[in-house]
PDB file of all heavy atoms in Angstrom:
ATOM      1  N   SER A   1      13.983   3.328  -5.280  1.00  0.00           N
ATOM      2  CA  SER A   1      13.259   4.342  -4.521  1.00  0.00           C
ATOM      3  C   SER A   1      12.732   3.770  -3.212  1.00  0.00           C
ATOM      4  O   SER A   1      12.424   4.523  -2.292  1.00  0.00           O
ATOM      5  CB  SER A   1      12.129   4.927  -5.349  1.00  0.00           C
ATOM      6  OG  SER A   1      11.103   3.964  -5.549  1.00  0.00           O
ATOM      7  N   GLY A   2      12.604   2.432  -3.139  1.00  0.00           N
ATOM      8  CA  GLY A   2      12.231   1.861  -1.859  1.00  0.00           C
ATOM      9  C   GLY A   2      11.110   0.854  -1.915  1.00  0.00           C
ATOM     10  O   GLY A   2      11.196  -0.135  -2.640  1.00  0.00           O
ATOM     11  N   ALA A   3      10.043   1.119  -1.170  1.00  0.00           N
ATOM     12  CA  ALA A   3       8.963   0.152  -1.045  1.00  0.00           C
ATOM     13  C   ALA A   3       8.206  -0.035  -2.356  1.00  0.00           C
ATOM     14  O   ALA A   3       8.124   0.869  -3.186  1.00  0.00           O
ATOM     15  CB  ALA A   3       7.993   0.602   0.044  1.00  0.00           C
ATOM     16  N   MET A   4       7.679  -1.251  -2.518  1.00  0.00           N
ATOM     17  CA  MET A   4       6.899  -1.592  -3.697  1.00  0.00           C
ATOM     18  C   MET A   4       5.624  -2.285  -3.243  1.00  0.00           C
ATOM     19  O   MET A   4       5.555  -2.828  -2.136  1.00  0.00           O
ATOM     20  CB  MET A   4       7.691  -2.539  -4.600  1.00  0.00           C
ATOM     21  CG  MET A   4       9.031  -2.019  -5.062  1.00  0.00           C
ATOM     22  SD  MET A   4       8.898  -0.801  -6.372  1.00  0.00           S
ATOM     23  CE  MET A   4       8.304  -1.826  -7.710  1.00  0.00           C
ATOM     24  N   GLY A   5       4.633  -2.307  -4.131  1.00  0.00           N
ATOM     25  CA  GLY A   5       3.384  -2.938  -3.737  1.00  0.00           C
ATOM     26  C   GLY A   5       2.583  -3.462  -4.912  1.00  0.00           C
ATOM     27  O   GLY A   5       2.918  -3.203  -6.070  1.00  0.00           O
ATOM     28  N   TRP A   6       1.546  -4.214  -4.568  1.00  0.00           N
ATOM     29  CA  TRP A   6       0.583  -4.711  -5.539  1.00  0.00           C
ATOM     30  C   TRP A   6      -0.813  -4.233  -5.153  1.00  0.00           C
ATOM     31  O   TRP A   6      -1.179  -4.285  -3.973  1.00  0.00           O
ATOM     32  CB  TRP A   6       0.581  -6.245  -5.576  1.00  0.00           C
ATOM     33  CG  TRP A   6       1.790  -6.859  -6.193  1.00  0.00           C
ATOM     34  CD1 TRP A   6       2.905  -7.324  -5.547  1.00  0.00           C
ATOM     35  CD2 TRP A   6       2.018  -7.089  -7.587  1.00  0.00           C
ATOM     36  NE1 TRP A   6       3.808  -7.826  -6.451  1.00  0.00           N
ATOM     37  CE2 TRP A   6       3.293  -7.695  -7.714  1.00  0.00           C
ATOM     38  CE3 TRP A   6       1.276  -6.851  -8.744  1.00  0.00           C
ATOM     39  CZ2 TRP A   6       3.825  -8.059  -8.944  1.00  0.00           C
ATOM     40  CZ3 TRP A   6       1.804  -7.216  -9.970  1.00  0.00           C
ATOM     41  CH2 TRP A   6       3.070  -7.813 -10.062  1.00  0.00           C
ATOM     42  N   PHE A   7      -1.553  -3.795  -6.143  1.00  0.00           N
ATOM     43  CA  PHE A   7      -2.954  -3.424  -5.989  1.00  0.00           C
ATOM     44  C   PHE A   7      -3.756  -4.220  -7.013  1.00  0.00           C
ATOM     45  O   PHE A   7      -3.200  -4.807  -7.941  1.00  0.00           O
ATOM     46  CB  PHE A   7      -3.146  -1.924  -6.237  1.00  0.00           C
ATOM     47  CG  PHE A   7      -2.642  -1.053  -5.126  1.00  0.00           C
ATOM     48  CD1 PHE A   7      -1.286  -0.879  -4.910  1.00  0.00           C
ATOM     49  CD2 PHE A   7      -3.523  -0.387  -4.280  1.00  0.00           C
ATOM     50  CE1 PHE A   7      -0.808  -0.081  -3.879  1.00  0.00           C
ATOM     51  CE2 PHE A   7      -3.066   0.424  -3.259  1.00  0.00           C
ATOM     52  CZ  PHE A   7      -1.708   0.572  -3.059  1.00  0.00           C
ATOM     53  N   ARG A   8      -5.078  -4.209  -6.860  1.00  0.00           N
ATOM     54  CA  ARG A   8      -5.930  -4.866  -7.849  1.00  0.00           C
ATOM     55  C   ARG A   8      -7.226  -4.091  -8.000  1.00  0.00           C
ATOM     56  O   ARG A   8      -7.661  -3.388  -7.086  1.00  0.00           O
ATOM     57  CB  ARG A   8      -6.223  -6.317  -7.465  1.00  0.00           C
ATOM     58  CG  ARG A   8      -7.043  -6.503  -6.199  1.00  0.00           C
ATOM     59  CD  ARG A   8      -7.136  -7.986  -5.829  1.00  0.00           C
ATOM     60  NE  ARG A   8      -7.912  -8.202  -4.622  1.00  0.00           N
ATOM     61  CZ  ARG A   8      -8.046  -9.379  -4.017  1.00  0.00           C
ATOM     62  NH1 ARG A   8      -7.430 -10.466  -4.515  1.00  0.00           N
ATOM     63  NH2 ARG A   8      -8.771  -9.491  -2.922  1.00  0.00           N
ATOM     64  N   GLN A   9      -7.817  -4.242  -9.174  1.00  0.00           N
ATOM     65  CA  GLN A   9      -9.078  -3.564  -9.446  1.00  0.00           C
ATOM     66  C   GLN A   9      -9.999  -4.499 -10.204  1.00  0.00           C
ATOM     67  O   GLN A   9      -9.684  -4.919 -11.333  1.00  0.00           O
ATOM     68  CB  GLN A   9      -8.848  -2.280 -10.247  1.00  0.00           C
ATOM     69  CG  GLN A   9     -10.093  -1.440 -10.421  1.00  0.00           C
ATOM     70  CD  GLN A   9      -9.778  -0.049 -10.940  1.00  0.00           C
ATOM     71  OE1 GLN A   9      -8.688   0.216 -11.447  1.00  0.00           O
ATOM     72  NE2 GLN A   9     -10.733   0.859 -10.789  1.00  0.00           N
ATOM     73  N   ALA A  10     -11.111  -4.831  -9.588  1.00  0.00           N
ATOM     74  CA  ALA A  10     -12.127  -5.660 -10.222  1.00  0.00           C
ATOM     75  C   ALA A  10     -13.116  -4.754 -10.956  1.00  0.00           C
ATOM     76  O   ALA A  10     -13.244  -3.563 -10.619  1.00  0.00           O
ATOM     77  CB  ALA A  10     -12.851  -6.486  -9.167  1.00  0.00           C
ATOM     78  N   PRO A  11     -13.831  -5.276 -11.942  1.00  0.00           N
ATOM     79  CA  PRO A  11     -14.787  -4.455 -12.692  1.00  0.00           C
ATOM     80  C   PRO A  11     -15.802  -3.786 -11.779  1.00  0.00           C
ATOM     81  O   PRO A  11     -16.407  -4.437 -10.915  1.00  0.00           O
ATOM     82  CB  PRO A  11     -15.468  -5.472 -13.616  1.00  0.00           C
ATOM     83  CG  PRO A  11     -14.456  -6.539 -13.801  1.00  0.00           C
ATOM     84  CD  PRO A  11     -13.740  -6.638 -12.488  1.00  0.00           C
ATOM     85  N   GLY A  12     -15.970  -2.479 -11.957  1.00  0.00           N
ATOM     86  CA  GLY A  12     -16.947  -1.740 -11.178  1.00  0.00           C
ATOM     87  C   GLY A  12     -16.533  -1.430  -9.756  1.00  0.00           C
ATOM     88  O   GLY A  12     -17.334  -0.901  -8.978  1.00  0.00           O
ATOM     89  N   LYS A  13     -15.287  -1.755  -9.397  1.00  0.00           N
ATOM     90  CA  LYS A  13     -14.821  -1.517  -8.032  1.00  0.00           C
ATOM     91  C   LYS A  13     -13.612  -0.601  -8.015  1.00  0.00           C
ATOM     92  O   LYS A  13     -12.937  -0.411  -9.032  1.00  0.00           O
ATOM     93  CB  LYS A  13     -14.485  -2.852  -7.356  1.00  0.00           C
ATOM     94  CG  LYS A  13     -15.686  -3.759  -7.145  1.00  0.00           C
ATOM     95  CD  LYS A  13     -15.313  -4.973  -6.308  1.00  0.00           C
ATOM     96  CE  LYS A  13     -16.526  -5.843  -6.020  1.00  0.00           C
ATOM     97  NZ  LYS A  13     -16.176  -7.019  -5.175  1.00  0.00           N
ATOM     98  N   GLU A  14     -13.348  -0.056  -6.839  1.00  0.00           N
ATOM     99  CA  GLU A  14     -12.175   0.791  -6.664  1.00  0.00           C
ATOM    100  C   GLU A  14     -10.901  -0.066  -6.653  1.00  0.00           C
ATOM    101  O   GLU A  14     -10.926  -1.244  -6.291  1.00  0.00           O
ATOM    102  CB  GLU A  14     -12.276   1.552  -5.340  1.00  0.00           C
ATOM    103  CG  GLU A  14     -13.401   2.562  -5.280  1.00  0.00           C
ATOM    104  CD  GLU A  14     -13.118   3.773  -6.154  1.00  0.00           C
ATOM    105  OE1 GLU A  14     -11.950   4.218  -6.165  1.00  0.00           O
ATOM    106  OE2 GLU A  14     -14.054   4.248  -6.816  1.00  0.00           O
ATOM    107  N   ARG A  15      -9.786   0.560  -7.024  1.00  0.00           N
ATOM    108  CA  ARG A  15      -8.501  -0.124  -6.922  1.00  0.00           C
ATOM    109  C   ARG A  15      -8.177  -0.302  -5.442  1.00  0.00           C
ATOM    110  O   ARG A  15      -8.252   0.639  -4.664  1.00  0.00           O
ATOM    111  CB  ARG A  15      -7.415   0.674  -7.626  1.00  0.00           C
ATOM    112  CG  ARG A  15      -6.110  -0.070  -7.778  1.00  0.00           C
ATOM    113  CD  ARG A  15      -5.131   0.705  -8.644  1.00  0.00           C
ATOM    114  NE  ARG A  15      -5.658   0.908  -9.997  1.00  0.00           N
ATOM    115  CZ  ARG A  15      -4.949   1.423 -10.999  1.00  0.00           C
ATOM    116  NH1 ARG A  15      -3.667   1.743 -10.801  1.00  0.00           N
ATOM    117  NH2 ARG A  15      -5.490   1.592 -12.174  1.00  0.00           N
ATOM    118  N   GLU A  16      -7.802  -1.522  -5.067  1.00  0.00           N
ATOM    119  CA  GLU A  16      -7.569  -1.809  -3.654  1.00  0.00           C
ATOM    120  C   GLU A  16      -6.167  -2.358  -3.420  1.00  0.00           C
ATOM    121  O   GLU A  16      -5.578  -3.020  -4.292  1.00  0.00           O
ATOM    122  CB  GLU A  16      -8.605  -2.801  -3.122  1.00  0.00           C
ATOM    123  CG  GLU A  16      -8.540  -4.187  -3.751  1.00  0.00           C
ATOM    124  CD  GLU A  16      -9.446  -5.193  -3.060  1.00  0.00           C
ATOM    125  OE1 GLU A  16     -10.066  -4.863  -2.036  1.00  0.00           O
ATOM    126  OE2 GLU A  16      -9.508  -6.343  -3.548  1.00  0.00           O
ATOM    127  N   PHE A  17      -5.676  -2.106  -2.230  1.00  0.00           N
ATOM    128  CA  PHE A  17      -4.371  -2.601  -1.812  1.00  0.00           C
ATOM    129  C   PHE A  17      -4.406  -4.116  -1.650  1.00  0.00           C
ATOM    130  O   PHE A  17      -5.367  -4.680  -1.132  1.00  0.00           O
ATOM    131  CB  PHE A  17      -3.990  -1.943  -0.480  1.00  0.00           C
ATOM    132  CG  PHE A  17      -2.791  -2.549   0.186  1.00  0.00           C
ATOM    133  CD1 PHE A  17      -1.520  -2.250  -0.265  1.00  0.00           C
ATOM    134  CD2 PHE A  17      -2.940  -3.415   1.256  1.00  0.00           C
ATOM    135  CE1 PHE A  17      -0.408  -2.810   0.347  1.00  0.00           C
ATOM    136  CE2 PHE A  17      -1.846  -3.972   1.883  1.00  0.00           C
ATOM    137  CZ  PHE A  17      -0.571  -3.668   1.425  1.00  0.00           C
ATOM    138  N   VAL A  18      -3.318  -4.771  -2.090  1.00  0.00           N
ATOM    139  CA  VAL A  18      -3.189  -6.211  -1.926  1.00  0.00           C
ATOM    140  C   VAL A  18      -2.010  -6.544  -1.007  1.00  0.00           C
ATOM    141  O   VAL A  18      -2.165  -7.245  -0.021  1.00  0.00           O
ATOM    142  CB  VAL A  18      -3.000  -6.920  -3.284  1.00  0.00           C
ATOM    143  CG1 VAL A  18      -2.751  -8.420  -3.078  1.00  0.00           C
ATOM    144  CG2 VAL A  18      -4.201  -6.694  -4.191  1.00  0.00           C
ATOM    145  N   ALA A  19      -0.815  -6.049  -1.357  1.00  0.00           N
ATOM    146  CA  ALA A  19       0.374  -6.386  -0.581  1.00  0.00           C
ATOM    147  C   ALA A  19       1.460  -5.353  -0.838  1.00  0.00           C
ATOM    148  O   ALA A  19       1.450  -4.675  -1.877  1.00  0.00           O
ATOM    149  CB  ALA A  19       0.888  -7.778  -0.959  1.00  0.00           C
ATOM    150  N   ALA A  20       2.385  -5.232   0.105  1.00  0.00           N
ATOM    151  CA  ALA A  20       3.502  -4.318  -0.058  1.00  0.00           C
ATOM    152  C   ALA A  20       4.727  -4.869   0.657  1.00  0.00           C
ATOM    153  O   ALA A  20       4.603  -5.691   1.577  1.00  0.00           O
ATOM    154  CB  ALA A  20       3.155  -2.928   0.473  1.00  0.00           C
ATOM    155  N   ILE A  21       5.897  -4.383   0.230  1.00  0.00           N
ATOM    156  CA  ILE A  21       7.152  -4.862   0.793  1.00  0.00           C
ATOM    157  C   ILE A  21       8.128  -3.688   0.880  1.00  0.00           C
ATOM    158  O   ILE A  21       8.153  -2.839  -0.017  1.00  0.00           O
ATOM    159  CB  ILE A  21       7.714  -6.006  -0.082  1.00  0.00           C
ATOM    160  CG1 ILE A  21       8.934  -6.655   0.562  1.00  0.00           C
ATOM    161  CG2 ILE A  21       8.023  -5.528  -1.501  1.00  0.00           C
ATOM    162  CD1 ILE A  21       9.331  -7.976  -0.117  1.00  0.00           C
ATOM    163  N   ASN A  22       8.909  -3.643   1.962  1.00  0.00           N
ATOM    164  CA  ASN A  22       9.868  -2.553   2.076  1.00  0.00           C
ATOM    165  C   ASN A  22      11.103  -2.857   1.233  1.00  0.00           C
ATOM    166  O   ASN A  22      11.215  -3.915   0.618  1.00  0.00           O
ATOM    167  CB  ASN A  22      10.223  -2.272   3.540  1.00  0.00           C
ATOM    168  CG  ASN A  22      10.954  -3.433   4.216  1.00  0.00           C
ATOM    169  OD1 ASN A  22      11.145  -4.491   3.638  1.00  0.00           O
ATOM    170  ND2 ASN A  22      11.354  -3.213   5.456  1.00  0.00           N
ATOM    171  N   PHE A  23      12.043  -1.912   1.203  1.00  0.00           N
ATOM    172  CA  PHE A  23      13.168  -2.043   0.293  1.00  0.00           C
ATOM    173  C   PHE A  23      14.016  -3.283   0.577  1.00  0.00           C
ATOM    174  O   PHE A  23      14.432  -3.993  -0.340  1.00  0.00           O
ATOM    175  CB  PHE A  23      14.064  -0.796   0.351  1.00  0.00           C
ATOM    176  CG  PHE A  23      15.266  -0.901  -0.528  1.00  0.00           C
ATOM    177  CD1 PHE A  23      15.144  -0.771  -1.896  1.00  0.00           C
ATOM    178  CD2 PHE A  23      16.524  -1.153   0.009  1.00  0.00           C
ATOM    179  CE1 PHE A  23      16.243  -0.878  -2.733  1.00  0.00           C
ATOM    180  CE2 PHE A  23      17.631  -1.258  -0.809  1.00  0.00           C
ATOM    181  CZ  PHE A  23      17.490  -1.125  -2.190  1.00  0.00           C
ATOM    182  N   SER A  24      14.278  -3.536   1.843  1.00  0.00           N
ATOM    183  CA  SER A  24      15.138  -4.669   2.190  1.00  0.00           C
ATOM    184  C   SER A  24      14.427  -6.009   2.079  1.00  0.00           C
ATOM    185  O   SER A  24      15.065  -7.061   2.084  1.00  0.00           O
ATOM    186  CB  SER A  24      15.680  -4.496   3.608  1.00  0.00           C
ATOM    187  OG  SER A  24      14.630  -4.614   4.546  1.00  0.00           O
ATOM    188  N   GLY A  25      13.091  -5.973   2.025  1.00  0.00           N
ATOM    189  CA  GLY A  25      12.329  -7.213   2.024  1.00  0.00           C
ATOM    190  C   GLY A  25      12.058  -7.758   3.402  1.00  0.00           C
ATOM    191  O   GLY A  25      11.498  -8.848   3.543  1.00  0.00           O
ATOM    192  N   SER A  26      12.424  -6.990   4.424  1.00  0.00           N
ATOM    193  CA  SER A  26      12.298  -7.480   5.792  1.00  0.00           C
ATOM    194  C   SER A  26      10.902  -7.301   6.370  1.00  0.00           C
ATOM    195  O   SER A  26      10.585  -7.886   7.409  1.00  0.00           O
ATOM    196  CB  SER A  26      13.298  -6.745   6.704  1.00  0.00           C
ATOM    197  OG  SER A  26      13.003  -5.355   6.729  1.00  0.00           O
ATOM    198  N   TYR A  27      10.082  -6.487   5.702  1.00  0.00           N
ATOM    199  CA  TYR A  27       8.732  -6.237   6.217  1.00  0.00           C
ATOM    200  C   TYR A  27       7.738  -6.293   5.076  1.00  0.00           C
ATOM    201  O   TYR A  27       7.929  -5.665   4.042  1.00  0.00           O
ATOM    202  CB  TYR A  27       8.668  -4.873   6.903  1.00  0.00           C
ATOM    203  CG  TYR A  27       7.420  -4.660   7.717  1.00  0.00           C
ATOM    204  CD1 TYR A  27       7.417  -4.862   9.095  1.00  0.00           C
ATOM    205  CD2 TYR A  27       6.232  -4.244   7.112  1.00  0.00           C
ATOM    206  CE1 TYR A  27       6.273  -4.673   9.847  1.00  0.00           C
ATOM    207  CE2 TYR A  27       5.084  -4.058   7.857  1.00  0.00           C
ATOM    208  CZ  TYR A  27       5.107  -4.275   9.223  1.00  0.00           C
ATOM    209  OH  TYR A  27       3.974  -4.087   9.959  1.00  0.00           O
ATOM    210  N   THR A  28       6.670  -7.053   5.277  1.00  0.00           N
ATOM    211  CA  THR A  28       5.609  -7.152   4.286  1.00  0.00           C
ATOM    212  C   THR A  28       4.268  -6.870   4.935  1.00  0.00           C
ATOM    213  O   THR A  28       4.102  -7.023   6.145  1.00  0.00           O
ATOM    214  CB  THR A  28       5.565  -8.541   3.637  1.00  0.00           C
ATOM    215  OG1 THR A  28       5.393  -9.533   4.663  1.00  0.00           O
ATOM    216  CG2 THR A  28       6.841  -8.837   2.856  1.00  0.00           C
ATOM    217  N   SER A  29       3.327  -6.441   4.120  1.00  0.00           N
ATOM    218  CA  SER A  29       1.989  -6.133   4.600  1.00  0.00           C
ATOM    219  C   SER A  29       0.986  -6.667   3.589  1.00  0.00           C
ATOM    220  O   SER A  29       1.238  -6.630   2.380  1.00  0.00           O
ATOM    221  CB  SER A  29       1.829  -4.622   4.770  1.00  0.00           C
ATOM    222  OG  SER A  29       0.547  -4.302   5.273  1.00  0.00           O
ATOM    223  N   TYR A  30      -0.150  -7.187   4.092  1.00  0.00           N
ATOM    224  CA  TYR A  30      -1.169  -7.780   3.224  1.00  0.00           C
ATOM    225  C   TYR A  30      -2.558  -7.321   3.640  1.00  0.00           C
ATOM    226  O   TYR A  30      -2.816  -7.099   4.823  1.00  0.00           O
ATOM    227  CB  TYR A  30      -1.139  -9.310   3.312  1.00  0.00           C
ATOM    228  CG  TYR A  30       0.161  -9.928   2.879  1.00  0.00           C
ATOM    229  CD1 TYR A  30       1.177 -10.174   3.807  1.00  0.00           C
ATOM    230  CD2 TYR A  30       0.382 -10.277   1.555  1.00  0.00           C
ATOM    231  CE1 TYR A  30       2.382 -10.738   3.414  1.00  0.00           C
ATOM    232  CE2 TYR A  30       1.583 -10.846   1.152  1.00  0.00           C
ATOM    233  CZ  TYR A  30       2.576 -11.069   2.085  1.00  0.00           C
ATOM    234  OH  TYR A  30       3.763 -11.640   1.695  1.00  0.00           O
TER     235      TYR A  30
END
């Protein structure tokens, strides 16, 4: 389907963005 990502959630906090990558792997975001 394409892009994938990682999120994290600490106790008592909102789920937050950590990193993402596009389908080809040519672009990442942190």
